[in-house]
Amino acid sequence: MRISFSKQVQLLLKISFLVTFAESMLVPMYAAFTEKVGGSILDAAIAYGVFAIATGLAIGLVGTRQAFERYTWRFLIAGFMASVVCDLSYVFVQNKWQLFGVQIVAGLASGLIEPAWDSLFTSGIKDSAAKHWSVWAGGTHFLSGVAAFAGGLIAAWSSFTVLFICMASIDALAVVLCLRGRRRQTSVDTTPKQDIGVAA
């Protein structure tokens, strides 16, 4: 059975795949980067814990707000813009405390992105929800693996700075796609509706 993807779902899949690739480039080298700025393996674990806690709190606060449903695209755009800032901020991290700070901001950005993306993706599904989510899950896992190799090669053959710039560039492209999606939604919402009368 062929899966029919709406334009919104197609766009959101592209966005998710881009961001997944960008963020997964750092994952296999995260402990190495933490040690590079003077931290330990324990500090790497703390940094991830800080990120996860910040993400969880932000999701709970953002996703339950009444304004969330009305400004979902704006939350998504804001989250990805914050991700770009975080990617570039890694370049200037000199110690573990600065790393923890960046991880808090990264967690807050993720807390904006996750409920917004999930909401928009779900609303764009017209049928075969399981197949839509399977395409997304399969794609993100596959790209995570490819990105891990790519990130490792960049860090080994060049530097972490180049890696972070690559990540920021990819996330910036996701921002551009989000802006396109929001414009598309705005144009649909502002299209005059024809009042079809029913003859008596």
N, C-alpha and C. Protein backbone atom coordinates (compact mmCIF):
# COMPACT_ATOMS: atom_id res chain seq x y z
N MET A 1 0.84 -1.20 0.00
CA MET A 1 0.00 0.00 0.00
C MET A 1 0.88 1.25 0.00
N ARG A 2 0.63 2.13 -0.92
CA ARG A 2 1.40 3.36 -1.03
C ARG A 2 0.96 4.35 0.04
N ILE A 3 1.94 5.00 0.68
CA ILE A 3 1.63 5.98 1.72
C ILE A 3 1.53 7.36 1.08
N SER A 4 0.46 8.06 1.38
CA SER A 4 0.27 9.40 0.85
C SER A 4 0.66 10.42 1.93
N PHE A 5 1.69 11.20 1.65
CA PHE A 5 2.15 12.21 2.60
C PHE A 5 1.63 13.59 2.19
N SER A 6 1.08 14.30 3.14
CA SER A 6 0.65 15.67 2.87
C SER A 6 1.90 16.55 2.74
N LYS A 7 1.73 17.73 2.16
CA LYS A 7 2.87 18.65 2.00
C LYS A 7 3.45 19.03 3.36
N GLN A 8 2.59 19.18 4.35
CA GLN A 8 3.07 19.54 5.69
C GLN A 8 3.92 18.42 6.27
N VAL A 9 3.47 17.19 6.12
CA VAL A 9 4.23 16.05 6.63
C VAL A 9 5.56 15.91 5.90
N GLN A 10 5.56 16.09 4.59
CA GLN A 10 6.80 16.01 3.81
C GLN A 10 7.81 17.05 4.31
N LEU A 11 7.33 18.27 4.55
CA LEU A 11 8.21 19.34 5.02
C LEU A 11 8.75 19.03 6.41
N LEU A 12 7.88 18.55 7.28
CA LEU A 12 8.30 18.24 8.65
C LEU A 12 9.28 17.08 8.69
N LEU A 13 9.13 16.12 7.79
CA LEU A 13 10.09 15.03 7.73
C LEU A 13 11.46 15.56 7.30
N LYS A 14 11.49 16.43 6.32
CA LYS A 14 12.77 17.02 5.89
C LYS A 14 13.43 17.77 7.04
N ILE A 15 12.61 18.54 7.78
CA ILE A 15 13.13 19.30 8.91
C ILE A 15 13.70 18.38 9.97
N SER A 16 12.94 17.36 10.32
CA SER A 16 13.38 16.43 11.36
C SER A 16 14.64 15.68 10.95
N PHE A 17 14.71 15.25 9.70
CA PHE A 17 15.88 14.52 9.22
C PHE A 17 17.12 15.41 9.25
N LEU A 18 16.96 16.68 8.87
CA LEU A 18 18.09 17.61 8.90
C LEU A 18 18.62 17.79 10.33
N VAL A 19 17.69 18.07 11.25
CA VAL A 19 18.09 18.34 12.63
C VAL A 19 18.66 17.09 13.29
N THR A 20 18.05 15.94 13.02
CA THR A 20 18.57 14.69 13.56
C THR A 20 20.00 14.46 13.10
N PHE A 21 20.26 14.72 11.82
CA PHE A 21 21.61 14.56 11.30
C PHE A 21 22.57 15.50 12.00
N ALA A 22 22.16 16.78 12.14
CA ALA A 22 23.04 17.77 12.76
C ALA A 22 23.40 17.40 14.19
N GLU A 23 22.39 17.07 14.99
CA GLU A 23 22.64 16.80 16.40
C GLU A 23 23.37 15.48 16.61
N SER A 24 23.14 14.52 15.73
CA SER A 24 23.79 13.21 15.89
C SER A 24 25.26 13.23 15.52
N MET A 25 25.69 14.29 14.87
CA MET A 25 27.10 14.41 14.52
C MET A 25 27.99 14.54 15.76
N LEU A 26 27.43 15.06 16.84
CA LEU A 26 28.21 15.28 18.06
C LEU A 26 28.15 14.11 19.02
N VAL A 27 27.09 13.33 18.94
CA VAL A 27 26.84 12.29 19.95
C VAL A 27 28.03 11.38 20.23
N PRO A 28 28.67 10.78 19.23
CA PRO A 28 29.76 9.84 19.54
C PRO A 28 31.01 10.51 20.12
N MET A 29 31.15 11.84 19.93
CA MET A 29 32.33 12.54 20.43
C MET A 29 32.04 13.40 21.65
N TYR A 30 30.83 13.26 22.22
CA TYR A 30 30.44 14.17 23.29
C TYR A 30 31.36 14.06 24.50
N ALA A 31 31.67 12.82 24.90
CA ALA A 31 32.55 12.62 26.05
C ALA A 31 33.94 13.18 25.76
N ALA A 32 34.41 12.99 24.52
CA ALA A 32 35.73 13.50 24.14
C ALA A 32 35.75 15.02 24.19
N PHE A 33 34.66 15.65 23.75
CA PHE A 33 34.60 17.11 23.79
C PHE A 33 34.56 17.60 25.23
N THR A 34 33.83 16.90 26.09
CA THR A 34 33.76 17.28 27.50
C THR A 34 35.15 17.23 28.14
N GLU A 35 35.89 16.20 27.84
CA GLU A 35 37.25 16.10 28.37
C GLU A 35 38.16 17.17 27.78
N LYS A 36 37.91 17.55 26.53
CA LYS A 36 38.72 18.58 25.86
C LYS A 36 38.60 19.92 26.59
N VAL A 37 37.43 20.21 27.17
CA VAL A 37 37.23 21.49 27.86
C VAL A 37 37.48 21.35 29.36
N GLY A 38 38.13 20.28 29.76
CA GLY A 38 38.52 20.14 31.16
C GLY A 38 37.58 19.35 32.03
N GLY A 39 36.58 18.71 31.43
CA GLY A 39 35.63 17.93 32.20
C GLY A 39 36.03 16.46 32.26
N SER A 40 35.25 15.70 32.98
CA SER A 40 35.49 14.27 33.12
C SER A 40 34.33 13.49 32.51
N ILE A 41 34.44 12.17 32.57
CA ILE A 41 33.34 11.34 32.10
C ILE A 41 32.09 11.62 32.92
N LEU A 42 32.28 11.84 34.21
CA LEU A 42 31.14 12.18 35.07
C LEU A 42 30.51 13.49 34.65
N ASP A 43 31.34 14.47 34.29
CA ASP A 43 30.82 15.76 33.84
C ASP A 43 30.03 15.61 32.54
N ALA A 44 30.46 14.69 31.68
CA ALA A 44 29.71 14.44 30.45
C ALA A 44 28.33 13.90 30.78
N ALA A 45 28.27 13.01 31.78
CA ALA A 45 26.98 12.47 32.21
C ALA A 45 26.11 13.56 32.82
N ILE A 46 26.73 14.44 33.62
CA ILE A 46 25.98 15.54 34.24
C ILE A 46 25.44 16.48 33.17
N ALA A 47 26.27 16.77 32.17
CA ALA A 47 25.85 17.67 31.09
C ALA A 47 24.64 17.10 30.36
N TYR A 48 24.66 15.80 30.08
CA TYR A 48 23.52 15.19 29.42
C TYR A 48 22.30 15.20 30.34
N GLY A 49 22.53 14.95 31.62
CA GLY A 49 21.41 14.98 32.58
C GLY A 49 20.77 16.35 32.65
N VAL A 50 21.60 17.39 32.66
CA VAL A 50 21.09 18.76 32.68
C VAL A 50 20.25 19.03 31.44
N PHE A 51 20.75 18.58 30.29
CA PHE A 51 20.02 18.75 29.03
C PHE A 51 18.66 18.06 29.09
N ALA A 52 18.65 16.80 29.55
CA ALA A 52 17.41 16.01 29.58
C ALA A 52 16.39 16.62 30.54
N ILE A 53 16.84 17.07 31.70
CA ILE A 53 15.94 17.67 32.68
C ILE A 53 15.35 18.97 32.14
N ALA A 54 16.21 19.80 31.53
CA ALA A 54 15.73 21.07 30.96
C ALA A 54 14.72 20.81 29.85
N THR A 55 14.99 19.79 29.04
CA THR A 55 14.06 19.44 27.96
C THR A 55 12.71 19.01 28.52
N GLY A 56 12.74 18.13 29.51
CA GLY A 56 11.50 17.63 30.10
C GLY A 56 10.66 18.73 30.72
N LEU A 57 11.30 19.62 31.46
CA LEU A 57 10.58 20.72 32.09
C LEU A 57 9.99 21.65 31.04
N ALA A 58 10.78 21.95 30.00
CA ALA A 58 10.31 22.86 28.96
C ALA A 58 9.14 22.28 28.18
N ILE A 59 9.20 20.98 27.89
CA ILE A 59 8.09 20.34 27.17
C ILE A 59 6.80 20.45 27.98
N GLY A 60 6.90 20.18 29.28
CA GLY A 60 5.72 20.26 30.12
C GLY A 60 5.14 21.66 30.21
N LEU A 61 6.02 22.66 30.25
CA LEU A 61 5.56 24.04 30.35
C LEU A 61 5.02 24.57 29.03
N VAL A 62 5.70 24.24 27.93
CA VAL A 62 5.30 24.77 26.62
C VAL A 62 4.08 24.05 26.07
N GLY A 63 4.12 22.74 26.07
CA GLY A 63 3.05 21.97 25.44
C GLY A 63 1.70 22.09 26.09
N THR A 64 1.65 22.53 27.34
CA THR A 64 0.38 22.64 28.06
C THR A 64 -0.19 24.06 28.05
N ARG A 65 0.52 25.00 27.44
CA ARG A 65 0.05 26.39 27.40
C ARG A 65 -1.03 26.56 26.35
N GLN A 66 -2.00 27.42 26.64
CA GLN A 66 -3.11 27.64 25.72
C GLN A 66 -2.64 28.27 24.41
N ALA A 67 -1.61 29.11 24.49
CA ALA A 67 -1.11 29.79 23.29
C ALA A 67 -0.34 28.86 22.37
N PHE A 68 0.02 27.67 22.88
CA PHE A 68 0.84 26.76 22.10
C PHE A 68 0.17 26.35 20.79
N GLU A 69 -1.12 25.97 20.86
CA GLU A 69 -1.81 25.51 19.66
C GLU A 69 -1.94 26.61 18.61
N ARG A 70 -1.98 27.85 19.05
CA ARG A 70 -2.15 28.96 18.12
C ARG A 70 -0.84 29.37 17.44
N TYR A 71 0.26 29.21 18.17
CA TYR A 71 1.56 29.67 17.66
C TYR A 71 2.56 28.52 17.53
N THR A 72 2.08 27.36 17.12
CA THR A 72 2.95 26.18 17.06
C THR A 72 4.14 26.38 16.15
N TRP A 73 3.95 26.92 14.97
CA TRP A 73 5.07 27.15 14.05
C TRP A 73 6.08 28.11 14.66
N ARG A 74 5.60 29.12 15.37
CA ARG A 74 6.52 30.09 15.99
C ARG A 74 7.38 29.42 17.07
N PHE A 75 6.77 28.53 17.84
CA PHE A 75 7.54 27.80 18.84
C PHE A 75 8.60 26.93 18.17
N LEU A 76 8.22 26.31 17.06
CA LEU A 76 9.16 25.45 16.34
C LEU A 76 10.33 26.27 15.80
N ILE A 77 10.03 27.40 15.19
CA ILE A 77 11.07 28.26 14.65
C ILE A 77 11.98 28.77 15.75
N ALA A 78 11.39 29.20 16.87
CA ALA A 78 12.18 29.70 18.00
C ALA A 78 13.11 28.61 18.53
N GLY A 79 12.61 27.40 18.60
CA GLY A 79 13.43 26.30 19.09
C GLY A 79 14.62 26.02 18.19
N PHE A 80 14.40 26.02 16.89
CA PHE A 80 15.50 25.75 15.97
C PHE A 80 16.50 26.90 15.92
N MET A 81 16.02 28.12 16.06
CA MET A 81 16.93 29.26 16.12
C MET A 81 17.82 29.16 17.36
N ALA A 82 17.22 28.74 18.47
CA ALA A 82 18.01 28.54 19.69
C ALA A 82 19.02 27.42 19.51
N SER A 83 18.67 26.40 18.74
CA SER A 83 19.60 25.30 18.46
C SER A 83 20.81 25.78 17.68
N VAL A 84 20.56 26.68 16.71
CA VAL A 84 21.67 27.25 15.94
C VAL A 84 22.62 28.00 16.87
N VAL A 85 22.04 28.79 17.77
CA VAL A 85 22.85 29.54 18.74
C VAL A 85 23.67 28.59 19.62
N CYS A 86 23.04 27.49 20.06
CA CYS A 86 23.73 26.51 20.90
C CYS A 86 24.89 25.86 20.14
N ASP A 87 24.64 25.49 18.88
CA ASP A 87 25.70 24.87 18.08
C ASP A 87 26.92 25.78 17.99
N LEU A 88 26.68 27.06 17.75
CA LEU A 88 27.78 28.00 17.64
C LEU A 88 28.41 28.30 19.00
N SER A 89 27.61 28.21 20.07
CA SER A 89 28.12 28.48 21.42
C SER A 89 29.16 27.45 21.85
N TYR A 90 29.02 26.22 21.35
CA TYR A 90 30.01 25.19 21.69
C TYR A 90 31.43 25.62 21.31
N VAL A 91 31.54 26.43 20.26
CA VAL A 91 32.85 26.88 19.80
C VAL A 91 33.57 27.66 20.89
N PHE A 92 32.81 28.37 21.73
CA PHE A 92 33.40 29.24 22.73
C PHE A 92 33.45 28.63 24.13
N VAL A 93 33.00 27.39 24.27
CA VAL A 93 33.03 26.73 25.57
C VAL A 93 34.47 26.44 25.97
N GLN A 94 34.84 26.88 27.19
CA GLN A 94 36.21 26.70 27.68
C GLN A 94 36.29 25.82 28.91
N ASN A 95 35.16 25.58 29.58
CA ASN A 95 35.18 24.75 30.78
C ASN A 95 33.83 24.05 30.94
N LYS A 96 33.78 23.17 31.91
CA LYS A 96 32.56 22.37 32.08
C LYS A 96 31.36 23.20 32.50
N TRP A 97 31.58 24.29 33.21
CA TRP A 97 30.46 25.12 33.67
C TRP A 97 29.79 25.81 32.49
N GLN A 98 30.60 26.29 31.57
CA GLN A 98 30.04 26.87 30.35
C GLN A 98 29.30 25.82 29.54
N LEU A 99 29.84 24.60 29.54
CA LEU A 99 29.18 23.50 28.84
C LEU A 99 27.82 23.21 29.45
N PHE A 100 27.75 23.21 30.78
CA PHE A 100 26.46 22.98 31.45
C PHE A 100 25.45 24.06 31.05
N GLY A 101 25.93 25.31 30.97
CA GLY A 101 25.05 26.41 30.59
C GLY A 101 24.50 26.25 29.19
N VAL A 102 25.37 25.86 28.26
CA VAL A 102 24.92 25.64 26.88
C VAL A 102 23.92 24.49 26.82
N GLN A 103 24.16 23.47 27.64
CA GLN A 103 23.26 22.32 27.65
C GLN A 103 21.87 22.70 28.18
N ILE A 104 21.82 23.62 29.12
CA ILE A 104 20.52 24.09 29.62
C ILE A 104 19.75 24.78 28.49
N VAL A 105 20.44 25.65 27.76
CA VAL A 105 19.80 26.35 26.64
C VAL A 105 19.38 25.34 25.56
N ALA A 106 20.24 24.36 25.31
CA ALA A 106 19.92 23.33 24.32
C ALA A 106 18.68 22.54 24.75
N GLY A 107 18.57 22.27 26.04
CA GLY A 107 17.41 21.56 26.56
C GLY A 107 16.14 22.37 26.41
N LEU A 108 16.23 23.67 26.67
CA LEU A 108 15.07 24.55 26.50
C LEU A 108 14.66 24.62 25.03
N ALA A 109 15.65 24.66 24.14
CA ALA A 109 15.35 24.67 22.70
C ALA A 109 14.64 23.39 22.30
N SER A 110 15.14 22.27 22.79
CA SER A 110 14.51 20.99 22.49
C SER A 110 13.10 20.93 23.05
N GLY A 111 12.90 21.57 24.20
CA GLY A 111 11.57 21.61 24.81
C GLY A 111 10.57 22.42 24.00
N LEU A 112 11.06 23.34 23.19
CA LEU A 112 10.18 24.08 22.28
C LEU A 112 9.90 23.26 21.02
N ILE A 113 10.94 22.59 20.54
CA ILE A 113 10.84 21.87 19.27
C ILE A 113 9.96 20.63 19.36
N GLU A 114 10.19 19.79 20.35
CA GLU A 114 9.54 18.48 20.37
C GLU A 114 8.00 18.55 20.40
N PRO A 115 7.39 19.30 21.31
CA PRO A 115 5.91 19.31 21.28
C PRO A 115 5.36 20.00 20.04
N ALA A 116 6.08 21.02 19.53
CA ALA A 116 5.61 21.73 18.34
C ALA A 116 5.67 20.82 17.12
N TRP A 117 6.82 20.15 16.94
CA TRP A 117 6.95 19.26 15.79
C TRP A 117 5.95 18.11 15.87
N ASP A 118 5.81 17.49 17.03
CA ASP A 118 4.87 16.38 17.19
C ASP A 118 3.44 16.81 16.86
N SER A 119 3.07 18.00 17.32
CA SER A 119 1.71 18.49 17.08
C SER A 119 1.46 18.72 15.60
N LEU A 120 2.41 19.36 14.93
CA LEU A 120 2.24 19.65 13.50
C LEU A 120 2.28 18.38 12.66
N PHE A 121 3.16 17.46 13.02
CA PHE A 121 3.25 16.21 12.28
C PHE A 121 1.96 15.41 12.43
N THR A 122 1.45 15.33 13.64
CA THR A 122 0.21 14.58 13.90
C THR A 122 -0.97 15.18 13.14
N SER A 123 -1.05 16.51 13.14
CA SER A 123 -2.17 17.17 12.47
C SER A 123 -2.09 17.01 10.95
N GLY A 124 -0.89 16.75 10.43
CA GLY A 124 -0.74 16.60 8.98
C GLY A 124 -1.01 15.20 8.48
N ILE A 125 -1.19 14.25 9.39
CA ILE A 125 -1.45 12.86 9.01
C ILE A 125 -2.94 12.67 8.74
N LYS A 126 -3.26 12.18 7.57
CA LYS A 126 -4.66 11.96 7.21
C LYS A 126 -5.05 10.49 7.35
N ASP A 127 -4.10 9.60 7.12
CA ASP A 127 -4.37 8.17 7.27
C ASP A 127 -3.04 7.44 7.47
N SER A 128 -3.11 6.17 7.83
CA SER A 128 -1.92 5.33 8.02
C SER A 128 -0.92 5.98 8.98
N ALA A 129 -1.39 6.33 10.16
CA ALA A 129 -0.53 6.99 11.14
C ALA A 129 0.69 6.16 11.49
N ALA A 130 0.50 4.86 11.67
CA ALA A 130 1.62 4.00 12.04
C ALA A 130 2.70 4.02 10.97
N LYS A 131 2.30 4.03 9.70
CA LYS A 131 3.27 4.04 8.61
C LYS A 131 4.01 5.37 8.55
N HIS A 132 3.29 6.46 8.81
CA HIS A 132 3.93 7.79 8.82
C HIS A 132 5.01 7.84 9.90
N TRP A 133 4.64 7.39 11.11
CA TRP A 133 5.59 7.43 12.21
C TRP A 133 6.74 6.45 11.98
N SER A 134 6.47 5.35 11.30
CA SER A 134 7.52 4.38 11.00
C SER A 134 8.54 4.97 10.03
N VAL A 135 8.06 5.70 9.03
CA VAL A 135 8.97 6.35 8.09
C VAL A 135 9.86 7.35 8.83
N TRP A 136 9.23 8.10 9.74
CA TRP A 136 10.00 9.07 10.52
C TRP A 136 11.03 8.37 11.41
N ALA A 137 10.58 7.36 12.17
CA ALA A 137 11.48 6.67 13.10
C ALA A 137 12.62 5.97 12.36
N GLY A 138 12.28 5.27 11.29
CA GLY A 138 13.30 4.59 10.51
C GLY A 138 14.31 5.55 9.92
N GLY A 139 13.80 6.66 9.40
CA GLY A 139 14.67 7.66 8.79
C GLY A 139 15.61 8.31 9.78
N THR A 140 15.09 8.65 10.96
CA THR A 140 15.92 9.32 11.96
C THR A 140 17.00 8.38 12.50
N HIS A 141 16.65 7.11 12.71
CA HIS A 141 17.66 6.15 13.20
C HIS A 141 18.75 5.94 12.15
N PHE A 142 18.35 5.80 10.91
CA PHE A 142 19.33 5.59 9.84
C PHE A 142 20.27 6.79 9.74
N LEU A 143 19.70 8.00 9.74
CA LEU A 143 20.51 9.20 9.61
C LEU A 143 21.39 9.43 10.83
N SER A 144 20.92 9.01 12.00
CA SER A 144 21.75 9.12 13.21
C SER A 144 23.04 8.33 13.05
N GLY A 145 22.91 7.14 12.46
CA GLY A 145 24.10 6.33 12.24
C GLY A 145 25.06 6.96 11.24
N VAL A 146 24.51 7.46 10.14
CA VAL A 146 25.35 8.10 9.11
C VAL A 146 26.01 9.35 9.70
N ALA A 147 25.24 10.13 10.47
CA ALA A 147 25.76 11.36 11.05
C ALA A 147 26.87 11.09 12.06
N ALA A 148 26.75 9.99 12.80
CA ALA A 148 27.79 9.63 13.77
C ALA A 148 29.13 9.42 13.06
N PHE A 149 29.09 8.70 11.93
CA PHE A 149 30.31 8.50 11.15
C PHE A 149 30.84 9.84 10.63
N ALA A 150 29.92 10.65 10.07
CA ALA A 150 30.33 11.93 9.49
C ALA A 150 30.93 12.85 10.55
N GLY A 151 30.28 12.92 11.71
CA GLY A 151 30.79 13.77 12.78
C GLY A 151 32.15 13.31 13.27
N GLY A 152 32.32 12.00 13.38
CA GLY A 152 33.59 11.46 13.82
C GLY A 152 34.72 11.79 12.85
N LEU A 153 34.41 11.68 11.57
CA LEU A 153 35.42 12.00 10.55
C LEU A 153 35.80 13.47 10.59
N ILE A 154 34.82 14.34 10.73
CA ILE A 154 35.09 15.78 10.77
C ILE A 154 35.94 16.14 11.98
N ALA A 155 35.56 15.61 13.15
CA ALA A 155 36.31 15.92 14.37
C ALA A 155 37.73 15.35 14.32
N ALA A 156 37.88 14.16 13.74
CA ALA A 156 39.20 13.52 13.68
C ALA A 156 40.11 14.17 12.64
N TRP A 157 39.55 14.52 11.49
CA TRP A 157 40.36 15.05 10.41
C TRP A 157 40.47 16.56 10.40
N SER A 158 39.56 17.24 11.11
CA SER A 158 39.59 18.70 11.13
C SER A 158 39.60 19.19 12.58
N SER A 159 38.43 19.60 13.09
CA SER A 159 38.36 20.10 14.47
C SER A 159 36.91 20.14 14.94
N PHE A 160 36.73 20.29 16.24
CA PHE A 160 35.39 20.43 16.78
C PHE A 160 34.74 21.72 16.29
N THR A 161 35.54 22.75 16.08
CA THR A 161 34.99 24.03 15.60
C THR A 161 34.30 23.84 14.25
N VAL A 162 34.96 23.14 13.34
CA VAL A 162 34.36 22.87 12.03
C VAL A 162 33.10 22.04 12.19
N LEU A 163 33.14 21.08 13.10
CA LEU A 163 31.97 20.24 13.36
C LEU A 163 30.79 21.08 13.82
N PHE A 164 31.02 21.99 14.76
CA PHE A 164 29.93 22.82 15.29
C PHE A 164 29.38 23.78 14.23
N ILE A 165 30.25 24.28 13.37
CA ILE A 165 29.79 25.16 12.29
C ILE A 165 28.92 24.37 11.31
N CYS A 166 29.32 23.13 11.03
CA CYS A 166 28.50 22.27 10.15
C CYS A 166 27.13 22.03 10.77
N MET A 167 27.11 21.73 12.07
CA MET A 167 25.85 21.50 12.76
C MET A 167 24.95 22.73 12.71
N ALA A 168 25.55 23.90 12.97
CA ALA A 168 24.77 25.15 12.96
C ALA A 168 24.21 25.43 11.57
N SER A 169 25.00 25.15 10.54
CA SER A 169 24.54 25.40 9.17
C SER A 169 23.34 24.53 8.81
N ILE A 170 23.39 23.27 9.22
CA ILE A 170 22.28 22.36 8.94
C ILE A 170 21.04 22.78 9.72
N ASP A 171 21.22 23.16 10.98
CA ASP A 171 20.08 23.62 11.77
C ASP A 171 19.50 24.91 11.21
N ALA A 172 20.36 25.77 10.65
CA ALA A 172 19.89 27.02 10.04
C ALA A 172 19.01 26.71 8.82
N LEU A 173 19.36 25.68 8.08
CA LEU A 173 18.54 25.26 6.94
C LEU A 173 17.16 24.80 7.41
N ALA A 174 17.13 24.14 8.58
CA ALA A 174 15.84 23.72 9.15
C ALA A 174 14.99 24.94 9.50
N VAL A 175 15.63 26.00 9.98
CA VAL A 175 14.91 27.25 10.29
C VAL A 175 14.26 27.80 9.03
N VAL A 176 15.01 27.79 7.93
CA VAL A 176 14.49 28.30 6.64
C VAL A 176 13.26 27.50 6.22
N LEU A 177 13.33 26.17 6.36
CA LEU A 177 12.19 25.33 6.00
C LEU A 177 10.99 25.60 6.91
N CYS A 178 11.27 25.86 8.18
CA CYS A 178 10.18 26.18 9.12
C CYS A 178 9.49 27.48 8.73
N LEU A 179 10.27 28.47 8.34
CA LEU A 179 9.70 29.75 7.91
C LEU A 179 8.82 29.55 6.68
N ARG A 180 9.25 28.67 5.79
CA ARG A 180 8.45 28.37 4.61
C ARG A 180 7.13 27.72 5.01
N GLY A 181 7.20 26.78 5.97
CA GLY A 181 5.99 26.11 6.43
C GLY A 181 5.02 27.08 7.09
N ARG A 182 5.56 28.01 7.87
CA ARG A 182 4.69 28.98 8.53
C ARG A 182 4.04 29.91 7.52
N ARG A 183 4.79 30.34 6.51
CA ARG A 183 4.21 31.19 5.47
C ARG A 183 3.10 30.47 4.73
N ARG A 184 3.32 29.18 4.46
CA ARG A 184 2.31 28.39 3.77
C ARG A 184 1.04 28.31 4.60
N GLN A 185 1.20 28.07 5.91
CA GLN A 185 0.04 27.97 6.78
C GLN A 185 -0.69 29.31 6.87
N THR A 186 0.10 30.40 6.95
CA THR A 186 -0.49 31.73 7.04
C THR A 186 -1.30 32.06 5.80
N SER A 187 -0.77 31.68 4.63
CA SER A 187 -1.48 31.96 3.37
C SER A 187 -2.78 31.17 3.29
N VAL A 188 -2.78 29.96 3.84
CA VAL A 188 -4.00 29.15 3.85
C VAL A 188 -5.02 29.73 4.81
N ASP A 189 -4.54 30.15 5.99
CA ASP A 189 -5.44 30.69 7.01
C ASP A 189 -6.08 32.00 6.58
N THR A 190 -5.36 32.79 5.75
CA THR A 190 -5.88 34.11 5.35
C THR A 190 -6.62 34.06 4.03
N THR A 191 -6.69 32.88 3.40
CA THR A 191 -7.43 32.78 2.13
C THR A 191 -8.92 32.99 2.38
N PRO A 192 -9.55 33.94 1.68
CA PRO A 192 -10.98 34.21 1.91
C PRO A 192 -11.82 32.97 1.67
N LYS A 193 -12.70 32.68 2.58
CA LYS A 193 -13.60 31.55 2.45
C LYS A 193 -14.87 31.97 1.72
N GLN A 194 -15.27 31.19 0.73
CA GLN A 194 -16.48 31.51 -0.02
C GLN A 194 -17.70 31.05 0.78
N ASP A 195 -18.67 31.96 0.84
CA ASP A 195 -19.91 31.65 1.56
C ASP A 195 -20.87 31.02 0.55
N ILE A 196 -21.05 29.73 0.67
CA ILE A 196 -21.92 29.03 -0.28
C ILE A 196 -23.35 29.00 0.27
N GLY A 197 -24.22 29.68 -0.40
CA GLY A 197 -25.62 29.74 0.05
C GLY A 197 -26.40 28.51 -0.39
N VAL A 198 -27.37 28.20 0.35
CA VAL A 198 -28.25 27.06 0.03
C VAL A 198 -29.61 27.61 -0.38
N ALA A 199 -30.01 27.29 -1.59
CA ALA A 199 -31.28 27.82 -2.08
C ALA A 199 -32.44 27.23 -1.31
N ALA A 200 -33.39 28.05 -0.98
CA ALA A 200 -34.56 27.57 -0.25
C ALA A 200 -35.52 26.91 -1.19
